[in-house]
Amino acid sequence: MIKSSMRIMMIAGLLAGSALAFADAAPAAPTPELFAPGVISAGANDGAPTFSPDGRTLYFERTNSKWTGILESRWTGGRWSTPVLASFSGTTSDQQPTFSPDGRYLVFVSSRPLPTPAGAPAKFANHLYRTERTPGGWSPAAELPAEVNISQRVFKPSIAANGDLYFMSDVGAGGPPKWRLFLAKRDGVGYRQAKPLSFSGPDDGDVDPFIAPDQSYLLFSSNTRSALKDGHEHLFVVRRTGEGWGSVQAITYAGDDWGADDGEAQVSPDGRWLYFTSSRILPMPRTRPRREALDALERMNVWDNSNGNVWRLPVAALPLLARSASVTGEGQPRTRP
């Protein structure tokens, strides 16, 4: 068993022979690596990681075709602990948790029933909820106000240091979802009415925003902007320019053309790692030696099976993002690998 796990981790570390660089950055060659194989990135669909400010507590989603739960893992004894269901999750489908930069609260997506008149059939929506950290654990989750939950499909929150909230919402008229990115500015204890981001149009297919704590840059995914034109979601970055936004730039690397969606980007609190969710699998030739087939079966038991997993890239190898992280104050002392 130990030998098998070591082999899987070695294979994961050799994946993609990839080069990832922003469009106008020097051609570095960082390689995406599978994060915590067999523990966080395991046999189910796993993704949307978010870390406490000290980097030692992790929440993420695990899903099948029926429901999604938010799991908690802690960095202890030099490893991530076996994930357990978060105390605030499980009664309905919950997903895409995000810590506030100060760690005082979490915002996440939930499909909890909406208030309805007595005797009326239950109605459900995917809305954003907030839970507070208390001395006794997490508080009961409370639905965010209508200024934020602007449609029946609101997903992927991201929180700036001043409390401003970024998210994606369906702007379609009852048909297939049409995703656009929004900002709801913090206003006292509430929020101002959410407004669409200027660079994100109703036909751009933009999803999964991550905002830097000082709002100097934003990461997101889109299935329409990539030069690959493959219909899959790919990673992009856009930088703040005064009161507006600059040009959208693609994050490209060998392996982003493997036929999978890459999304739910997240930069770790210490500014060292760019995390993202992907269902990518290793390309396989039509014919192969039996040894390679046996290795592929071992990988399938852990991650290489078309389910989503958590991947990461070193920010230091991404010049534009590395400069952005240095000015946001994200560079905290190292607290975990």
C-alpha atoms as a PDB file:
ATOM      1  CA  MET A   1       0.000   0.000   0.000  1.00  0.00           C
ATOM      2  CA  ILE A   2       2.816   2.398   0.879  1.00  0.00           C
ATOM      3  CA  LYS A   3       4.639   1.525  -2.315  1.00  0.00           C
ATOM      4  CA  SER A   4       1.475   2.128  -4.348  1.00  0.00           C
ATOM      5  CA  SER A   5       0.849   5.514  -2.733  1.00  0.00           C
ATOM      6  CA  MET A   6       4.440   6.594  -3.317  1.00  0.00           C
ATOM      7  CA  ARG A   7       4.190   5.607  -6.966  1.00  0.00           C
ATOM      8  CA  ILE A   8       0.957   7.591  -7.399  1.00  0.00           C
ATOM      9  CA  MET A   9       2.511  10.674  -5.819  1.00  0.00           C
ATOM     10  CA  MET A  10       5.588  10.367  -8.028  1.00  0.00           C
ATOM     11  CA  ILE A  11       3.401  10.122 -11.125  1.00  0.00           C
ATOM     12  CA  ALA A  12       1.376  13.119  -9.980  1.00  0.00           C
ATOM     13  CA  GLY A  13       4.563  15.116  -9.505  1.00  0.00           C
ATOM     14  CA  LEU A  14       5.691  14.331 -13.055  1.00  0.00           C
ATOM     15  CA  LEU A  15       2.408  15.311 -14.693  1.00  0.00           C
ATOM     16  CA  ALA A  16       2.012  17.598 -17.630  1.00  0.00           C
ATOM     17  CA  GLY A  17       5.623  18.564 -18.319  1.00  0.00           C
ATOM     18  CA  SER A  18       3.903  21.866 -18.404  1.00  0.00           C
ATOM     19  CA  ALA A  19       4.827  25.489 -18.822  1.00  0.00           C
ATOM     20  CA  LEU A  20       2.461  28.000 -17.242  1.00  0.00           C
ATOM     21  CA  ALA A  21       2.919  31.708 -17.839  1.00  0.00           C
ATOM     22  CA  PHE A  22       0.808  34.803 -18.167  1.00  0.00           C
ATOM     23  CA  ALA A  23       0.493  36.184 -21.667  1.00  0.00           C
ATOM     24  CA  ASP A  24       3.216  38.818 -21.372  1.00  0.00           C
ATOM     25  CA  ALA A  25       5.361  37.091 -18.724  1.00  0.00           C
ATOM     26  CA  ALA A  26       8.721  35.444 -19.231  1.00  0.00           C
ATOM     27  CA  PRO A  27       8.309  31.801 -20.276  1.00  0.00           C
ATOM     28  CA  ALA A  28       8.655  29.967 -16.972  1.00  0.00           C
ATOM     29  CA  ALA A  29       7.816  26.291 -16.741  1.00  0.00           C
ATOM     30  CA  PRO A  30       5.973  25.529 -13.504  1.00  0.00           C
ATOM     31  CA  THR A  31       4.204  22.184 -13.437  1.00  0.00           C
ATOM     32  CA  PRO A  32       0.722  21.746 -11.958  1.00  0.00           C
ATOM     33  CA  GLU A  33       0.783  19.207  -9.160  1.00  0.00           C
ATOM     34  CA  LEU A  34      -2.019  17.210  -7.613  1.00  0.00           C
ATOM     35  CA  PHE A  35      -2.728  18.469  -4.090  1.00  0.00           C
ATOM     36  CA  ALA A  36      -2.763  15.925  -1.242  1.00  0.00           C
ATOM     37  CA  PRO A  37      -3.554  12.871  -3.416  1.00  0.00           C
ATOM     38  CA  GLY A  38      -5.716  10.278  -1.694  1.00  0.00           C
ATOM     39  CA  VAL A  39      -6.677  12.671   1.127  1.00  0.00           C
ATOM     40  CA  ILE A  40      -8.012  15.942  -0.317  1.00  0.00           C
ATOM     41  CA  SER A  41      -7.861  14.922  -3.968  1.00  0.00           C
ATOM     42  CA  ALA A  42      -9.399  11.482  -3.584  1.00  0.00           C
ATOM     43  CA  GLY A  43     -11.821   9.209  -5.442  1.00  0.00           C
ATOM     44  CA  ALA A  44     -14.832  11.549  -5.481  1.00  0.00           C
ATOM     45  CA  ASN A  45     -15.267  14.955  -7.099  1.00  0.00           C
ATOM     46  CA  ASP A  46     -13.217  17.321  -4.932  1.00  0.00           C
ATOM     47  CA  GLY A  47     -12.594  21.034  -5.348  1.00  0.00           C
ATOM     48  CA  ALA A  48     -13.049  24.668  -4.282  1.00  0.00           C
ATOM     49  CA  PRO A  49     -10.417  24.761  -1.505  1.00  0.00           C
ATOM     50  CA  THR A  50     -10.215  27.660   0.933  1.00  0.00           C
ATOM     51  CA  PHE A  51      -7.657  28.072   3.720  1.00  0.00           C
ATOM     52  CA  SER A  52      -7.737  29.785   7.098  1.00  0.00           C
ATOM     53  CA  PRO A  53      -5.375  32.779   7.375  1.00  0.00           C
ATOM     54  CA  ASP A  54      -2.680  30.653   9.064  1.00  0.00           C
ATOM     55  CA  GLY A  55      -3.003  28.008   6.325  1.00  0.00           C
ATOM     56  CA  ARG A  56      -3.635  25.188   8.799  1.00  0.00           C
ATOM     57  CA  THR A  57      -7.366  24.611   8.294  1.00  0.00           C
ATOM     58  CA  LEU A  58      -8.848  23.742   4.933  1.00  0.00           C
ATOM     59  CA  TYR A  59     -12.446  23.597   3.762  1.00  0.00           C
ATOM     60  CA  PHE A  60     -13.383  22.178   0.371  1.00  0.00           C
ATOM     61  CA  GLU A  61     -16.279  20.537  -1.444  1.00  0.00           C
ATOM     62  CA  ARG A  62     -16.835  16.854  -2.189  1.00  0.00           C
ATOM     63  CA  THR A  63     -19.663  15.880  -4.495  1.00  0.00           C
ATOM     64  CA  ASN A  64     -21.379  13.143  -6.464  1.00  0.00           C
ATOM     65  CA  SER A  65     -24.281  13.473  -8.888  1.00  0.00           C
ATOM     66  CA  LYS A  66     -26.829  13.816  -6.057  1.00  0.00           C
ATOM     67  CA  TRP A  67     -25.426  16.143  -3.397  1.00  0.00           C
ATOM     68  CA  THR A  68     -22.396  18.162  -2.328  1.00  0.00           C
ATOM     69  CA  GLY A  69     -20.947  18.603   1.140  1.00  0.00           C
ATOM     70  CA  ILE A  70     -18.278  20.885   2.599  1.00  0.00           C
ATOM     71  CA  LEU A  71     -15.457  19.038   4.331  1.00  0.00           C
ATOM     72  CA  GLU A  72     -12.862  20.187   6.858  1.00  0.00           C
ATOM     73  CA  SER A  73      -9.241  19.056   7.144  1.00  0.00           C
ATOM     74  CA  ARG A  74      -6.456  20.263   9.422  1.00  0.00           C
ATOM     75  CA  TRP A  75      -2.688  20.379   8.969  1.00  0.00           C
ATOM     76  CA  THR A  76      -1.360  18.341  11.877  1.00  0.00           C
ATOM     77  CA  GLY A  77       1.645  16.107  12.344  1.00  0.00           C
ATOM     78  CA  GLY A  78       3.045  17.118   8.969  1.00  0.00           C
ATOM     79  CA  ARG A  79       0.004  16.015   6.975  1.00  0.00           C
ATOM     80  CA  TRP A  80      -3.590  16.899   6.178  1.00  0.00           C
ATOM     81  CA  SER A  81      -6.042  15.054   8.408  1.00  0.00           C
ATOM     82  CA  THR A  82      -8.777  12.786   7.079  1.00  0.00           C
ATOM     83  CA  PRO A  83     -11.550  15.170   5.973  1.00  0.00           C
ATOM     84  CA  VAL A  84     -14.774  15.305   7.991  1.00  0.00           C
ATOM     85  CA  LEU A  85     -18.114  16.932   7.232  1.00  0.00           C
ATOM     86  CA  ALA A  86     -18.114  20.562   8.380  1.00  0.00           C
ATOM     87  CA  SER A  87     -20.430  21.314  11.286  1.00  0.00           C
ATOM     88  CA  PHE A  88     -22.463  23.814   9.240  1.00  0.00           C
ATOM     89  CA  SER A  89     -22.908  21.537   6.200  1.00  0.00           C
ATOM     90  CA  GLY A  90     -24.864  18.434   5.267  1.00  0.00           C
ATOM     91  CA  THR A  91     -28.590  19.070   5.616  1.00  0.00           C
ATOM     92  CA  THR A  92     -28.739  20.130   1.948  1.00  0.00           C
ATOM     93  CA  SER A  93     -26.160  20.493  -0.786  1.00  0.00           C
ATOM     94  CA  ASP A  94     -23.450  23.007   0.174  1.00  0.00           C
ATOM     95  CA  GLN A  95     -20.402  23.961  -1.860  1.00  0.00           C
ATOM     96  CA  GLN A  96     -17.691  26.492  -2.740  1.00  0.00           C
ATOM     97  CA  PRO A  97     -16.729  27.760   0.741  1.00  0.00           C
ATOM     98  CA  THR A  98     -14.547  30.845   1.067  1.00  0.00           C
ATOM     99  CA  PHE A  99     -12.860  32.305   4.142  1.00  0.00           C
ATOM    100  CA  SER A 100     -12.909  36.016   4.795  1.00  0.00           C
ATOM    101  CA  PRO A 101      -9.271  37.205   4.753  1.00  0.00           C
ATOM    102  CA  ASP A 102      -9.373  37.727   8.536  1.00  0.00           C
ATOM    103  CA  GLY A 103     -10.775  34.231   9.109  1.00  0.00           C
ATOM    104  CA  ARG A 104     -13.770  35.487  11.100  1.00  0.00           C
ATOM    105  CA  TYR A 105     -16.427  34.063   8.796  1.00  0.00           C
ATOM    106  CA  LEU A 106     -17.092  31.813   5.828  1.00  0.00           C
ATOM    107  CA  VAL A 107     -19.426  32.397   2.893  1.00  0.00           C
ATOM    108  CA  PHE A 108     -20.597  29.392   0.885  1.00  0.00           C
ATOM    109  CA  VAL A 109     -23.239  28.259  -1.613  1.00  0.00           C
ATOM    110  CA  SER A 110     -26.240  26.284  -0.366  1.00  0.00           C
ATOM    111  CA  SER A 111     -29.443  24.943  -1.914  1.00  0.00           C
ATOM    112  CA  ARG A 112     -31.477  25.322   1.306  1.00  0.00           C
ATOM    113  CA  PRO A 113     -35.262  25.745   0.942  1.00  0.00           C
ATOM    114  CA  LEU A 114     -36.560  29.275   0.533  1.00  0.00           C
ATOM    115  CA  PRO A 115     -39.225  30.721   2.843  1.00  0.00           C
ATOM    116  CA  THR A 116     -42.688  29.888   1.490  1.00  0.00           C
ATOM    117  CA  PRO A 117     -46.260  30.356   2.763  1.00  0.00           C
ATOM    118  CA  ALA A 118     -47.671  27.587   4.932  1.00  0.00           C
ATOM    119  CA  GLY A 119     -48.854  24.686   2.804  1.00  0.00           C
ATOM    120  CA  ALA A 120     -47.068  25.871  -0.335  1.00  0.00           C
ATOM    121  CA  PRO A 121     -44.657  23.508  -2.092  1.00  0.00           C
ATOM    122  CA  ALA A 122     -41.012  23.874  -1.162  1.00  0.00           C
ATOM    123  CA  LYS A 123     -38.824  26.036  -3.375  1.00  0.00           C
ATOM    124  CA  PHE A 124     -35.067  25.908  -3.596  1.00  0.00           C
ATOM    125  CA  ALA A 125     -32.333  28.179  -4.938  1.00  0.00           C
ATOM    126  CA  ASN A 126     -28.559  28.223  -4.950  1.00  0.00           C
ATOM    127  CA  HIS A 127     -27.837  31.212  -2.732  1.00  0.00           C
ATOM    128  CA  LEU A 128     -24.948  32.498  -0.627  1.00  0.00           C
ATOM    129  CA  TYR A 129     -24.918  31.916   3.134  1.00  0.00           C
ATOM    130  CA  ARG A 130     -22.611  33.111   5.897  1.00  0.00           C
ATOM    131  CA  THR A 131     -21.418  31.381   9.062  1.00  0.00           C
ATOM    132  CA  GLU A 132     -19.445  33.116  11.821  1.00  0.00           C
ATOM    133  CA  ARG A 133     -16.535  31.691  13.793  1.00  0.00           C
ATOM    134  CA  THR A 134     -17.435  31.663  17.506  1.00  0.00           C
ATOM    135  CA  PRO A 135     -15.662  30.322  20.642  1.00  0.00           C
ATOM    136  CA  GLY A 136     -17.966  27.298  20.420  1.00  0.00           C
ATOM    137  CA  GLY A 137     -17.474  26.650  16.695  1.00  0.00           C
ATOM    138  CA  TRP A 138     -19.324  27.851  13.626  1.00  0.00           C
ATOM    139  CA  SER A 139     -22.630  29.683  14.005  1.00  0.00           C
ATOM    140  CA  PRO A 140     -25.835  28.598  12.212  1.00  0.00           C
ATOM    141  CA  ALA A 141     -25.613  29.775   8.613  1.00  0.00           C
ATOM    142  CA  ALA A 142     -27.639  32.841   7.604  1.00  0.00           C
ATOM    143  CA  GLU A 143     -28.706  33.649   4.052  1.00  0.00           C
ATOM    144  CA  LEU A 144     -27.175  36.814   2.614  1.00  0.00           C
ATOM    145  CA  PRO A 145     -29.587  39.597   1.582  1.00  0.00           C
ATOM    146  CA  ALA A 146     -31.309  40.152  -1.746  1.00  0.00           C
ATOM    147  CA  GLU A 147     -28.656  42.707  -2.755  1.00  0.00           C
ATOM    148  CA  VAL A 148     -26.328  39.692  -3.092  1.00  0.00           C
ATOM    149  CA  ASN A 149     -28.666  36.807  -3.920  1.00  0.00           C
ATOM    150  CA  ILE A 150     -29.847  38.447  -7.118  1.00  0.00           C
ATOM    151  CA  SER A 151     -30.979  35.296  -8.949  1.00  0.00           C
ATOM    152  CA  GLN A 152     -31.886  31.672  -8.308  1.00  0.00           C
ATOM    153  CA  ARG A 153     -28.309  30.663  -9.232  1.00  0.00           C
ATOM    154  CA  VAL A 154     -25.588  32.476  -7.310  1.00  0.00           C
ATOM    155  CA  PHE A 155     -22.219  30.745  -6.927  1.00  0.00           C
ATOM    156  CA  LYS A 156     -18.507  31.023  -6.052  1.00  0.00           C
ATOM    157  CA  PRO A 157     -18.144  33.831  -3.497  1.00  0.00           C
ATOM    158  CA  SER A 158     -14.807  35.567  -2.910  1.00  0.00           C
ATOM    159  CA  ILE A 159     -14.208  38.162  -0.198  1.00  0.00           C
ATOM    160  CA  ALA A 160     -11.886  41.178  -0.231  1.00  0.00           C
ATOM    161  CA  ALA A 161     -10.167  42.465   2.911  1.00  0.00           C
ATOM    162  CA  ASN A 162     -12.705  45.303   3.266  1.00  0.00           C
ATOM    163  CA  GLY A 163     -15.634  42.861   3.039  1.00  0.00           C
ATOM    164  CA  ASP A 164     -16.578  43.512  -0.595  1.00  0.00           C
ATOM    165  CA  LEU A 165     -18.072  40.342  -2.061  1.00  0.00           C
ATOM    166  CA  TYR A 166     -17.473  38.993  -5.576  1.00  0.00           C
ATOM    167  CA  PHE A 167     -19.506  36.151  -7.071  1.00  0.00           C
ATOM    168  CA  MET A 168     -21.037  34.732 -10.251  1.00  0.00           C
ATOM    169  CA  SER A 169     -24.731  34.770 -11.115  1.00  0.00           C
ATOM    170  CA  ASP A 170     -26.963  33.452 -13.868  1.00  0.00           C
ATOM    171  CA  VAL A 171     -28.246  36.330 -16.009  1.00  0.00           C
ATOM    172  CA  GLY A 172     -30.230  34.113 -18.390  1.00  0.00           C
ATOM    173  CA  ALA A 173     -33.968  34.468 -18.783  1.00  0.00           C
ATOM    174  CA  GLY A 174     -35.043  31.045 -17.609  1.00  0.00           C
ATOM    175  CA  GLY A 175     -33.151  29.015 -20.194  1.00  0.00           C
ATOM    176  CA  PRO A 176     -29.648  27.563 -19.981  1.00  0.00           C
ATOM    177  CA  PRO A 177     -27.464  29.465 -17.494  1.00  0.00           C
ATOM    178  CA  LYS A 178     -25.611  32.550 -18.726  1.00  0.00           C
ATOM    179  CA  TRP A 179     -22.916  33.379 -16.200  1.00  0.00           C
ATOM    180  CA  ARG A 180     -21.534  36.805 -15.364  1.00  0.00           C
ATOM    181  CA  LEU A 181     -19.288  38.136 -12.578  1.00  0.00           C
ATOM    182  CA  PHE A 182     -20.636  40.574  -9.970  1.00  0.00           C
ATOM    183  CA  LEU A 183     -19.469  42.750  -7.090  1.00  0.00           C
ATOM    184  CA  ALA A 184     -21.549  43.646  -4.019  1.00  0.00           C
ATOM    185  CA  LYS A 185     -19.738  46.342  -2.054  1.00  0.00           C
ATOM    186  CA  ARG A 186     -19.829  46.138   1.725  1.00  0.00           C
ATOM    187  CA  ASP A 187     -22.032  48.820   3.265  1.00  0.00           C
ATOM    188  CA  GLY A 188     -21.984  48.850   7.080  1.00  0.00           C
ATOM    189  CA  VAL A 189     -23.419  45.525   8.214  1.00  0.00           C
ATOM    190  CA  GLY A 190     -24.956  44.862   4.786  1.00  0.00           C
ATOM    191  CA  TYR A 191     -24.170  45.237   1.085  1.00  0.00           C
ATOM    192  CA  ARG A 192     -24.961  47.654  -1.700  1.00  0.00           C
ATOM    193  CA  GLN A 193     -26.858  46.299  -4.675  1.00  0.00           C
ATOM    194  CA  ALA A 194     -24.597  43.956  -6.657  1.00  0.00           C
ATOM    195  CA  LYS A 195     -23.288  45.305  -9.968  1.00  0.00           C
ATOM    196  CA  PRO A 196     -21.766  43.361 -12.890  1.00  0.00           C
ATOM    197  CA  LEU A 197     -18.022  43.729 -13.436  1.00  0.00           C
ATOM    198  CA  SER A 198     -17.325  45.895 -16.466  1.00  0.00           C
ATOM    199  CA  PHE A 199     -15.091  43.411 -18.286  1.00  0.00           C
ATOM    200  CA  SER A 200     -17.545  40.512 -17.800  1.00  0.00           C
ATOM    201  CA  GLY A 201     -20.348  40.576 -20.351  1.00  0.00           C
ATOM    202  CA  PRO A 202     -23.485  38.423 -20.399  1.00  0.00           C
ATOM    203  CA  ASP A 203     -22.091  36.283 -23.233  1.00  0.00           C
ATOM    204  CA  ASP A 204     -18.524  35.854 -21.942  1.00  0.00           C
ATOM    205  CA  GLY A 205     -19.205  32.718 -19.888  1.00  0.00           C
ATOM    206  CA  ASP A 206     -17.190  34.044 -16.935  1.00  0.00           C
ATOM    207  CA  VAL A 207     -17.295  31.987 -13.724  1.00  0.00           C
ATOM    208  CA  ASP A 208     -15.506  31.350 -10.420  1.00  0.00           C
ATOM    209  CA  PRO A 209     -13.999  34.695  -9.370  1.00  0.00           C
ATOM    210  CA  PHE A 210     -11.180  34.983  -6.836  1.00  0.00           C
ATOM    211  CA  ILE A 211     -10.378  38.500  -5.674  1.00  0.00           C
ATOM    212  CA  ALA A 212      -7.037  39.500  -4.137  1.00  0.00           C
ATOM    213  CA  PRO A 213      -7.505  40.869  -0.596  1.00  0.00           C
ATOM    214  CA  ASP A 214      -6.642  44.410  -1.740  1.00  0.00           C
ATOM    215  CA  GLN A 215      -8.649  43.925  -4.967  1.00  0.00           C
ATOM    216  CA  SER A 216      -5.589  44.566  -7.135  1.00  0.00           C
ATOM    217  CA  TYR A 217      -6.280  41.541  -9.348  1.00  0.00           C
ATOM    218  CA  LEU A 218      -8.992  38.987  -9.987  1.00  0.00           C
ATOM    219  CA  LEU A 219      -8.738  35.396 -11.202  1.00  0.00           C
ATOM    220  CA  PHE A 220     -11.621  33.672 -12.968  1.00  0.00           C
ATOM    221  CA  SER A 221     -12.477  31.063 -15.601  1.00  0.00           C
ATOM    222  CA  SER A 222     -14.289  31.268 -18.914  1.00  0.00           C
ATOM    223  CA  ASN A 223     -15.389  28.824 -21.610  1.00  0.00           C
ATOM    224  CA  THR A 224     -15.451  31.416 -24.401  1.00  0.00           C
ATOM    225  CA  ARG A 225     -12.271  33.493 -24.089  1.00  0.00           C
ATOM    226  CA  SER A 226      -9.609  30.839 -24.662  1.00  0.00           C
ATOM    227  CA  ALA A 227      -7.708  30.698 -27.937  1.00  0.00           C
ATOM    228  CA  LEU A 228      -8.151  26.906 -27.754  1.00  0.00           C
ATOM    229  CA  LYS A 229     -11.858  27.255 -28.661  1.00  0.00           C
ATOM    230  CA  ASP A 230     -12.559  23.847 -27.082  1.00  0.00           C
ATOM    231  CA  GLY A 231     -15.640  24.823 -25.063  1.00  0.00           C
ATOM    232  CA  HIS A 232     -13.889  24.159 -21.744  1.00  0.00           C
ATOM    233  CA  GLU A 233     -13.307  26.613 -18.926  1.00  0.00           C
ATOM    234  CA  HIS A 234      -9.766  27.991 -18.680  1.00  0.00           C
ATOM    235  CA  LEU A 235      -8.057  30.283 -16.177  1.00  0.00           C
ATOM    236  CA  PHE A 236      -7.677  34.052 -16.677  1.00  0.00           C
ATOM    237  CA  VAL A 237      -6.454  37.049 -14.705  1.00  0.00           C
ATOM    238  CA  VAL A 238      -7.396  40.734 -14.855  1.00  0.00           C
ATOM    239  CA  ARG A 239      -5.685  43.552 -12.937  1.00  0.00           C
ATOM    240  CA  ARG A 240      -7.159  46.648 -11.338  1.00  0.00           C
ATOM    241  CA  THR A 241      -6.384  49.912 -13.136  1.00  0.00           C
ATOM    242  CA  GLY A 242      -7.582  52.856 -11.060  1.00  0.00           C
ATOM    243  CA  GLU A 243     -11.331  52.517 -10.671  1.00  0.00           C
ATOM    244  CA  GLY A 244     -11.602  50.059 -13.565  1.00  0.00           C
ATOM    245  CA  TRP A 245     -10.001  46.887 -14.894  1.00  0.00           C
ATOM    246  CA  GLY A 246      -7.262  46.213 -17.424  1.00  0.00           C
ATOM    247  CA  SER A 247      -7.149  43.647 -20.181  1.00  0.00           C
ATOM    248  CA  VAL A 248      -8.016  40.008 -19.512  1.00  0.00           C
ATOM    249  CA  GLN A 249      -4.973  37.722 -19.760  1.00  0.00           C
ATOM    250  CA  ALA A 250      -4.936  33.959 -20.186  1.00  0.00           C
ATOM    251  CA  ILE A 251      -3.076  31.678 -17.807  1.00  0.00           C
ATOM    252  CA  THR A 252      -1.704  29.057 -20.177  1.00  0.00           C
ATOM    253  CA  TYR A 253       0.291  25.912 -19.537  1.00  0.00           C
ATOM    254  CA  ALA A 254       0.906  22.532 -21.119  1.00  0.00           C
ATOM    255  CA  GLY A 255      -2.027  20.386 -20.103  1.00  0.00           C
ATOM    256  CA  ASP A 256      -4.735  23.029 -20.274  1.00  0.00           C
ATOM    257  CA  ASP A 257      -5.758  21.438 -23.572  1.00  0.00           C
ATOM    258  CA  TRP A 258      -6.467  18.023 -22.072  1.00  0.00           C
ATOM    259  CA  GLY A 259     -10.216  18.443 -22.462  1.00  0.00           C
ATOM    260  CA  ALA A 260     -11.238  19.427 -18.919  1.00  0.00           C
ATOM    261  CA  ASP A 261     -12.634  22.485 -17.164  1.00  0.00           C
ATOM    262  CA  ASP A 262     -10.152  24.358 -14.938  1.00  0.00           C
ATOM    263  CA  GLY A 263     -11.864  26.587 -12.395  1.00  0.00           C
ATOM    264  CA  GLU A 264     -12.438  27.665  -8.795  1.00  0.00           C
ATOM    265  CA  ALA A 265      -9.067  29.418  -8.604  1.00  0.00           C
ATOM    266  CA  GLN A 266      -7.777  30.370  -5.150  1.00  0.00           C
ATOM    267  CA  VAL A 267      -4.468  31.867  -4.004  1.00  0.00           C
ATOM    268  CA  SER A 268      -3.284  30.613  -0.618  1.00  0.00           C
ATOM    269  CA  PRO A 269      -3.162  33.143   2.260  1.00  0.00           C
ATOM    270  CA  ASP A 270       0.654  33.051   2.284  1.00  0.00           C
ATOM    271  CA  GLY A 271       0.689  33.950  -1.422  1.00  0.00           C
ATOM    272  CA  ARG A 272       2.745  30.892  -2.387  1.00  0.00           C
ATOM    273  CA  TRP A 273       0.284  28.737  -4.309  1.00  0.00           C
ATOM    274  CA  LEU A 274      -2.403  29.088  -6.953  1.00  0.00           C
ATOM    275  CA  TYR A 275      -4.995  26.340  -6.428  1.00  0.00           C
ATOM    276  CA  PHE A 276      -7.644  25.320  -8.920  1.00  0.00           C
ATOM    277  CA  THR A 277     -10.137  22.522  -9.559  1.00  0.00           C
ATOM    278  CA  SER A 278      -9.841  20.293 -12.615  1.00  0.00           C
ATOM    279  CA  SER A 279     -11.122  16.928 -13.830  1.00  0.00           C
ATOM    280  CA  ARG A 280      -8.083  16.507 -16.061  1.00  0.00           C
ATOM    281  CA  ILE A 281      -6.763  12.997 -16.664  1.00  0.00           C
ATOM    282  CA  LEU A 282      -3.467  11.826 -18.088  1.00  0.00           C
ATOM    283  CA  PRO A 283      -3.560  11.334 -21.864  1.00  0.00           C
ATOM    284  CA  MET A 284      -3.269   7.642 -22.745  1.00  0.00           C
ATOM    285  CA  PRO A 285      -2.147   6.103 -26.051  1.00  0.00           C
ATOM    286  CA  ARG A 286      -4.493   3.678 -27.790  1.00  0.00           C
ATOM    287  CA  THR A 287      -2.015   0.874 -27.136  1.00  0.00           C
ATOM    288  CA  ARG A 288       0.276   0.593 -24.128  1.00  0.00           C
ATOM    289  CA  PRO A 289       2.477  -1.913 -22.285  1.00  0.00           C
ATOM    290  CA  ARG A 290       0.700  -3.888 -19.567  1.00  0.00           C
ATOM    291  CA  ARG A 291       2.838  -2.155 -16.914  1.00  0.00           C
ATOM    292  CA  GLU A 292       1.413   1.237 -17.946  1.00  0.00           C
ATOM    293  CA  ALA A 293      -2.122  -0.177 -17.820  1.00  0.00           C
ATOM    294  CA  LEU A 294      -1.550  -1.393 -14.243  1.00  0.00           C
ATOM    295  CA  ASP A 295      -0.215   2.027 -13.266  1.00  0.00           C
ATOM    296  CA  ALA A 296      -3.292   3.647 -14.828  1.00  0.00           C
ATOM    297  CA  LEU A 297      -5.601   1.411 -12.776  1.00  0.00           C
ATOM    298  CA  GLU A 298      -3.805   2.431  -9.588  1.00  0.00           C
ATOM    299  CA  ARG A 299      -4.239   6.096 -10.477  1.00  0.00           C
ATOM    300  CA  MET A 300      -7.935   5.569 -11.190  1.00  0.00           C
ATOM    301  CA  ASN A 301      -8.439   4.407  -7.623  1.00  0.00           C
ATOM    302  CA  VAL A 302      -7.162   7.752  -6.361  1.00  0.00           C
ATOM    303  CA  TRP A 303      -7.738  10.505  -8.925  1.00  0.00           C
ATOM    304  CA  ASP A 304      -7.199   9.747 -12.638  1.00  0.00           C
ATOM    305  CA  ASN A 305     -10.853   8.879 -13.278  1.00  0.00           C
ATOM    306  CA  SER A 306     -12.497  12.031 -14.740  1.00  0.00           C
ATOM    307  CA  ASN A 307     -13.606  13.251 -11.295  1.00  0.00           C
ATOM    308  CA  GLY A 308     -12.623  16.723 -10.106  1.00  0.00           C
ATOM    309  CA  ASN A 309      -9.494  17.202  -8.026  1.00  0.00           C
ATOM    310  CA  VAL A 310      -7.491  20.032  -6.493  1.00  0.00           C
ATOM    311  CA  TRP A 311      -4.332  21.094  -8.329  1.00  0.00           C
ATOM    312  CA  ARG A 312      -1.813  23.813  -7.555  1.00  0.00           C
ATOM    313  CA  LEU A 313       0.946  25.900  -9.147  1.00  0.00           C
ATOM    314  CA  PRO A 314       3.713  27.927  -7.458  1.00  0.00           C
ATOM    315  CA  VAL A 315       2.937  31.651  -7.561  1.00  0.00           C
ATOM    316  CA  ALA A 316       6.660  32.488  -7.539  1.00  0.00           C
ATOM    317  CA  ALA A 317       6.886  30.991 -11.024  1.00  0.00           C
ATOM    318  CA  LEU A 318       4.139  33.298 -12.318  1.00  0.00           C
ATOM    319  CA  PRO A 319       5.763  36.758 -12.557  1.00  0.00           C
ATOM    320  CA  LEU A 320       2.643  38.906 -12.885  1.00  0.00           C
ATOM    321  CA  LEU A 321       0.787  37.120 -10.124  1.00  0.00           C
ATOM    322  CA  ALA A 322       3.888  37.024  -7.921  1.00  0.00           C
ATOM    323  CA  ARG A 323       4.209  40.809  -8.150  1.00  0.00           C
ATOM    324  CA  SER A 324       0.524  41.206  -7.367  1.00  0.00           C
ATOM    325  CA  ALA A 325       0.768  38.967  -4.307  1.00  0.00           C
ATOM    326  CA  SER A 326       3.747  40.936  -2.993  1.00  0.00           C
ATOM    327  CA  VAL A 327       1.795  44.187  -2.961  1.00  0.00           C
ATOM    328  CA  THR A 328      -1.341  42.703  -1.358  1.00  0.00           C
ATOM    329  CA  GLY A 329       0.448  41.749   1.834  1.00  0.00           C
ATOM    330  CA  GLU A 330      -0.308  38.070   1.321  1.00  0.00           C
ATOM    331  CA  GLY A 331       3.277  36.972   1.938  1.00  0.00           C
ATOM    332  CA  GLN A 332       2.877  35.518   5.440  1.00  0.00           C
ATOM    333  CA  PRO A 333       5.410  33.260   7.170  1.00  0.00           C
ATOM    334  CA  ARG A 334       5.377  29.750   5.869  1.00  0.00           C
ATOM    335  CA  THR A 335       2.939  27.627   7.864  1.00  0.00           C
ATOM    336  CA  ARG A 336       2.472  24.543   5.690  1.00  0.00           C
ATOM    337  CA  PRO A 337       3.919  22.891   2.573  1.00  0.00           C
END
